[in-house]
Amino acid sequence: MSSLKYLRFSVNNDSQSNKLEEGITHLRGLEQHRLGYVNFSMAGDSWVGNIASLTNLTALYMYGCGIIGEIPPSFANLSRLQGLALSTNSLRGNIPAFVGALPLVGLSLSNNKLNGSIPSTLGDLSALRYLEMENNCFSGPIPISFAKLSNLEYLDLANNSLNGTFSFFILNNCLKLTLVDLSSNMLTVKISASTIPNFQLEYLGLRQCKITGNFPAFISTQYFIQHLDLLNNSLSGSILNWLWELTPLRFLSLTRNNFSGYFKFQM
């Protein structure tokens, strides 16, 4: 098995997780290591060094593995990583600097207890397509360096403590975007009334983002939108009838705003 390239393992058993990671050091050629709900909460720290020794890894997925503590600094040795998923664990602390130097295409850190600011170096991940960091404790602003993520398709930062003012169309260079969710932070999201985006969204979550002014006109140009959540903002004016012309729309939430007037509801 020394030539094994791909290993996927899903189990919830402490003793097996220990044995698995003890033997993995012999798989020097391993390129993809996927662990789902393998319980490492009682496995000590030896597994970290074992995984960090697999320097040919291009994908490391450890979701729901009971990992406690910070993102291991020794993962910096995994310089070929294109996919890193550590979601649904109990990780704490900041995102380490080395993450911004990896050749990542996908980064998933959702459903942890990570905190601190989102490092601006994530904007240097020129190949990044998927960024999932929802349901953590991140604070501070969204880095303006995200404007450089020209390959980004999926951005989920919902349910954190991000703050400051964010100009939505800073993402206008992200031509491939299909999903943006900034909901339930402490952000003030600014949306220009005249700017037409270069992307076509399928999912837009801006719940509780302190948005003011009229209904965002750019949504009329989002011909593939299926999910639109603008709940709990300070939007005002009328809801324009073109909204019902967005035929792909499956979910719409406009509750807790200040809209007025009448609109023609069409089924």
Protein backbone atom coordinates (compact mmCIF):
# COMPACT_ATOMS: atom_id res chain seq x y z
CA MET A 1 0.00 0.00 0.00
CA SER A 2 3.00 2.32 -0.05
CA SER A 3 1.89 3.60 -3.48
CA LEU A 4 -1.63 4.50 -2.27
CA LYS A 5 -2.75 7.92 -3.56
CA TYR A 6 -6.27 8.27 -2.17
CA LEU A 7 -7.57 7.32 1.28
CA ARG A 8 -11.10 7.89 2.51
CA PHE A 9 -12.14 6.79 5.96
CA SER A 10 -15.36 7.41 7.87
CA VAL A 11 -15.90 5.94 11.31
CA ASN A 12 -16.61 7.16 14.83
CA ASN A 13 -14.30 5.08 17.00
CA ASP A 14 -11.44 6.41 19.12
CA SER A 15 -9.27 3.30 18.99
CA GLN A 16 -9.53 2.98 15.23
CA SER A 17 -8.59 6.62 14.67
CA ASN A 18 -5.38 6.09 16.66
CA LYS A 19 -4.44 3.00 14.68
CA LEU A 20 -5.27 4.66 11.38
CA GLU A 21 -2.99 7.65 11.92
CA GLU A 22 -0.17 5.52 13.34
CA GLY A 23 -0.03 3.58 10.08
CA ILE A 24 -0.47 6.50 7.74
CA THR A 25 3.15 7.66 8.02
CA HIS A 26 4.16 4.84 5.67
CA LEU A 27 1.95 6.23 2.89
CA ARG A 28 4.43 8.83 1.69
CA GLY A 29 2.83 9.04 -1.73
CA LEU A 30 -0.66 9.81 -0.40
CA GLU A 31 -2.24 12.75 -2.23
CA GLN A 32 -5.79 12.84 -0.88
CA HIS A 33 -6.74 12.09 2.71
CA ARG A 34 -10.44 12.34 3.56
CA LEU A 35 -11.64 11.69 7.10
CA GLY A 36 -15.30 12.11 7.99
CA TYR A 37 -16.43 11.90 11.60
CA VAL A 38 -13.36 10.02 12.76
CA ASN A 39 -13.13 10.98 16.43
CA PHE A 40 -9.74 12.49 17.29
CA SER A 41 -10.83 14.15 20.52
CA MET A 42 -9.12 11.41 22.58
CA ALA A 43 -6.27 10.68 20.20
CA GLY A 44 -3.64 13.01 21.69
CA ASP A 45 -1.35 15.08 19.47
CA SER A 46 0.62 12.42 17.60
CA TRP A 47 -1.81 12.38 14.68
CA VAL A 48 -0.86 15.98 13.82
CA GLY A 49 2.76 15.12 13.11
CA ASN A 50 1.72 12.00 11.23
CA ILE A 51 -0.46 13.98 8.83
CA ALA A 52 2.07 16.81 8.55
CA SER A 53 4.62 14.28 7.30
CA LEU A 54 2.49 13.55 4.21
CA THR A 55 4.06 16.28 2.13
CA ASN A 56 2.54 15.07 -1.15
CA LEU A 57 -1.00 15.78 0.02
CA THR A 58 -3.08 17.94 -2.30
CA ALA A 59 -6.34 17.46 -0.37
CA LEU A 60 -6.93 17.10 3.38
CA TYR A 61 -10.51 16.83 4.56
CA MET A 62 -11.14 16.32 8.29
CA TYR A 63 -14.72 17.25 8.97
CA GLY A 64 -16.53 16.36 12.17
CA CYS A 65 -13.40 14.83 13.72
CA GLY A 66 -13.57 16.39 17.17
CA ILE A 67 -10.33 18.35 16.64
CA ILE A 68 -9.66 20.70 19.56
CA GLY A 69 -7.26 23.63 19.68
CA GLU A 70 -5.64 25.74 16.98
CA ILE A 71 -5.03 24.88 13.34
CA PRO A 72 -1.76 22.91 13.64
CA PRO A 73 1.28 25.03 12.63
CA SER A 74 2.95 21.92 11.23
CA PHE A 75 0.33 21.85 8.46
CA ALA A 76 2.53 24.50 6.87
CA ASN A 77 4.61 21.54 5.66
CA LEU A 78 1.73 20.57 3.36
CA SER A 79 2.82 23.04 0.71
CA ARG A 80 0.94 21.29 -2.11
CA LEU A 81 -2.51 21.51 -0.53
CA GLN A 82 -5.23 22.62 -2.92
CA GLY A 83 -8.13 21.56 -0.73
CA LEU A 84 -8.25 22.04 3.06
CA ALA A 85 -11.47 21.27 4.93
CA LEU A 86 -11.49 21.33 8.73
CA SER A 87 -15.16 22.12 9.20
CA THR A 88 -17.37 21.06 12.10
CA ASN A 89 -14.67 20.66 14.73
CA SER A 90 -13.77 22.66 17.85
CA LEU A 91 -10.92 24.73 16.43
CA ARG A 92 -10.04 27.98 18.19
CA GLY A 93 -7.63 30.85 17.63
CA ASN A 94 -6.67 32.73 14.49
CA ILE A 95 -6.15 31.55 10.94
CA PRO A 96 -2.36 31.06 10.75
CA ALA A 97 -0.38 33.04 8.19
CA PHE A 98 0.78 29.96 6.27
CA VAL A 99 -2.77 29.32 5.02
CA GLY A 100 -2.47 32.36 2.77
CA ALA A 101 0.63 30.88 1.14
CA LEU A 102 -0.88 27.53 0.15
CA PRO A 103 -2.06 26.91 -3.46
CA LEU A 104 -5.64 26.50 -2.27
CA VAL A 105 -8.63 26.04 -4.53
CA GLY A 106 -11.00 25.30 -1.65
CA LEU A 107 -10.87 26.30 2.03
CA SER A 108 -13.57 25.20 4.47
CA LEU A 109 -13.30 26.19 8.14
CA SER A 110 -17.01 26.45 8.88
CA ASN A 111 -18.68 25.44 12.14
CA ASN A 112 -15.76 25.96 14.50
CA LYS A 113 -14.85 28.55 17.15
CA LEU A 114 -12.15 30.37 15.22
CA ASN A 115 -11.71 34.05 16.02
CA GLY A 116 -9.65 37.12 15.28
CA SER A 117 -9.52 38.95 11.96
CA ILE A 118 -9.69 37.31 8.56
CA PRO A 119 -6.12 37.69 7.24
CA SER A 120 -5.78 39.87 4.16
CA THR A 121 -3.36 37.29 2.73
CA LEU A 122 -6.35 35.11 1.83
CA GLY A 123 -6.85 37.60 -0.97
CA ASP A 124 -3.57 36.35 -2.46
CA LEU A 125 -5.04 32.88 -3.06
CA SER A 126 -5.43 33.48 -6.79
CA ALA A 127 -6.79 29.98 -7.53
CA LEU A 128 -9.36 30.00 -4.70
CA ARG A 129 -12.87 28.99 -5.79
CA TYR A 130 -14.59 28.05 -2.52
CA LEU A 131 -14.28 29.89 0.80
CA GLU A 132 -16.47 28.64 3.64
CA MET A 133 -15.96 30.23 7.06
CA GLU A 134 -19.51 30.55 8.36
CA ASN A 135 -20.49 29.87 11.97
CA ASN A 136 -17.31 30.98 13.71
CA CYS A 137 -16.33 33.98 15.85
CA PHE A 138 -14.37 36.05 13.33
CA SER A 139 -14.32 39.81 13.92
CA GLY A 140 -13.03 42.90 12.15
CA PRO A 141 -13.67 43.87 8.52
CA ILE A 142 -13.85 41.75 5.39
CA PRO A 143 -10.46 42.30 3.74
CA ILE A 144 -10.55 44.49 0.64
CA SER A 145 -7.96 42.09 -0.79
CA PHE A 146 -10.90 39.78 -1.57
CA ALA A 147 -11.36 41.95 -4.67
CA LYS A 148 -8.42 40.02 -6.15
CA LEU A 149 -10.12 36.61 -5.89
CA SER A 150 -11.02 36.49 -9.57
CA ASN A 151 -11.75 32.73 -9.53
CA LEU A 152 -14.00 32.81 -6.46
CA GLU A 153 -17.36 31.08 -6.91
CA TYR A 154 -18.57 30.52 -3.35
CA LEU A 155 -18.17 32.95 -0.42
CA ASP A 156 -19.84 32.14 2.89
CA LEU A 157 -18.97 34.30 5.92
CA ALA A 158 -22.37 34.15 7.63
CA ASN A 159 -22.90 34.01 11.40
CA ASN A 160 -19.69 35.55 12.64
CA SER A 161 -18.94 38.87 14.38
CA LEU A 162 -17.50 40.69 11.38
CA ASN A 163 -17.92 44.46 11.56
CA GLY A 164 -17.14 47.68 9.77
CA THR A 165 -18.43 48.86 6.42
CA PHE A 166 -18.27 46.60 3.38
CA SER A 167 -18.87 47.81 -0.14
CA PHE A 168 -20.65 44.91 -1.82
CA PHE A 169 -19.33 45.66 -5.27
CA ILE A 170 -15.75 45.26 -4.13
CA LEU A 171 -16.50 41.73 -5.32
CA ASN A 172 -17.19 42.92 -8.85
CA ASN A 173 -13.97 41.40 -10.18
CA CYS A 174 -15.07 37.98 -8.95
CA LEU A 175 -16.73 37.16 -12.25
CA LYS A 176 -17.51 33.53 -11.36
CA LEU A 177 -19.42 34.17 -8.12
CA THR A 178 -22.61 32.17 -7.72
CA LEU A 179 -23.04 32.29 -3.92
CA VAL A 180 -22.48 35.10 -1.41
CA ASP A 181 -23.67 34.90 2.19
CA LEU A 182 -22.69 37.65 4.64
CA SER A 183 -25.74 37.23 6.87
CA SER A 184 -25.91 37.75 10.63
CA ASN A 185 -22.70 39.62 11.29
CA MET A 186 -22.30 43.18 12.59
CA LEU A 187 -21.45 44.51 9.14
CA THR A 188 -22.85 47.55 7.39
CA VAL A 189 -23.13 46.51 3.75
CA LYS A 190 -23.20 49.30 1.18
CA ILE A 191 -24.83 48.63 -2.19
CA SER A 192 -24.43 51.19 -4.95
CA ALA A 193 -27.71 52.02 -6.67
CA SER A 194 -26.10 52.37 -10.09
CA THR A 195 -23.52 49.59 -10.25
CA ILE A 196 -24.30 46.50 -12.32
CA PRO A 197 -22.24 43.49 -11.19
CA ASN A 198 -20.19 41.32 -13.52
CA PHE A 199 -21.31 38.10 -11.83
CA GLN A 200 -24.53 36.07 -11.86
CA LEU A 201 -25.57 34.88 -8.42
CA GLU A 202 -27.72 31.88 -7.60
CA TYR A 203 -27.70 32.50 -3.83
CA LEU A 204 -27.52 35.85 -2.02
CA GLY A 205 -27.71 36.06 1.77
CA LEU A 206 -27.61 39.58 3.23
CA ARG A 207 -29.73 39.00 6.30
CA GLN A 208 -29.16 41.56 9.07
CA CYS A 209 -26.52 43.56 7.20
CA LYS A 210 -27.75 47.12 8.01
CA ILE A 211 -28.55 47.82 4.38
CA THR A 212 -30.38 51.12 3.77
CA GLY A 213 -32.03 52.78 0.79
CA ASN A 214 -34.29 51.34 -1.87
CA PHE A 215 -34.57 47.74 -2.96
CA PRO A 216 -31.19 46.84 -4.54
CA ALA A 217 -31.68 47.42 -8.28
CA PHE A 218 -28.83 45.12 -9.30
CA ILE A 219 -30.90 42.08 -8.29
CA SER A 220 -32.96 42.63 -11.45
CA THR A 221 -29.84 41.60 -13.41
CA GLN A 222 -29.38 38.34 -11.51
CA TYR A 223 -31.23 36.06 -13.90
CA PHE A 224 -30.33 32.78 -12.16
CA ILE A 225 -31.02 33.78 -8.56
CA GLN A 226 -32.76 31.05 -6.56
CA HIS A 227 -32.29 32.21 -2.95
CA LEU A 228 -32.60 35.84 -1.83
CA ASP A 229 -32.51 36.75 1.86
CA LEU A 230 -32.71 40.45 2.82
CA LEU A 231 -34.42 39.93 6.18
CA ASN A 232 -33.92 42.44 9.01
CA ASN A 233 -32.38 45.40 7.19
CA SER A 234 -33.55 49.01 6.77
CA LEU A 235 -34.62 48.91 3.15
CA SER A 236 -37.41 51.29 2.17
CA GLY A 237 -39.49 52.40 -0.79
CA SER A 238 -41.52 50.05 -2.93
CA ILE A 239 -40.85 46.50 -4.04
CA LEU A 240 -40.71 46.64 -7.82
CA ASN A 241 -42.79 44.23 -9.87
CA TRP A 242 -39.76 43.02 -11.83
CA LEU A 243 -38.94 40.90 -8.79
CA TRP A 244 -41.61 38.41 -9.86
CA GLU A 245 -39.95 38.08 -13.26
CA LEU A 246 -37.00 36.28 -11.68
CA THR A 247 -38.46 32.89 -12.45
CA PRO A 248 -35.68 30.74 -10.90
CA LEU A 249 -36.38 32.30 -7.47
CA ARG A 250 -37.31 29.63 -4.90
CA PHE A 251 -36.68 31.40 -1.58
CA LEU A 252 -37.42 35.06 -0.82
CA SER A 253 -37.25 36.76 2.58
CA LEU A 254 -37.92 40.52 2.88
CA THR A 255 -39.31 40.56 6.44
CA ARG A 256 -38.39 43.31 8.94
CA ASN A 257 -37.68 46.13 6.50
CA ASN A 258 -39.46 49.44 5.87
CA PHE A 259 -41.05 48.84 2.49
CA SER A 260 -44.17 50.80 1.53
CA GLY A 261 -46.80 50.92 -1.18
CA TYR A 262 -48.35 48.05 -3.09
CA PHE A 263 -47.05 45.48 -5.47
CA LYS A 264 -48.68 43.03 -7.83
CA PHE A 265 -48.07 39.50 -6.67
CA GLN A 266 -47.77 36.97 -9.46
CA MET A 267 -47.64 33.19 -9.17
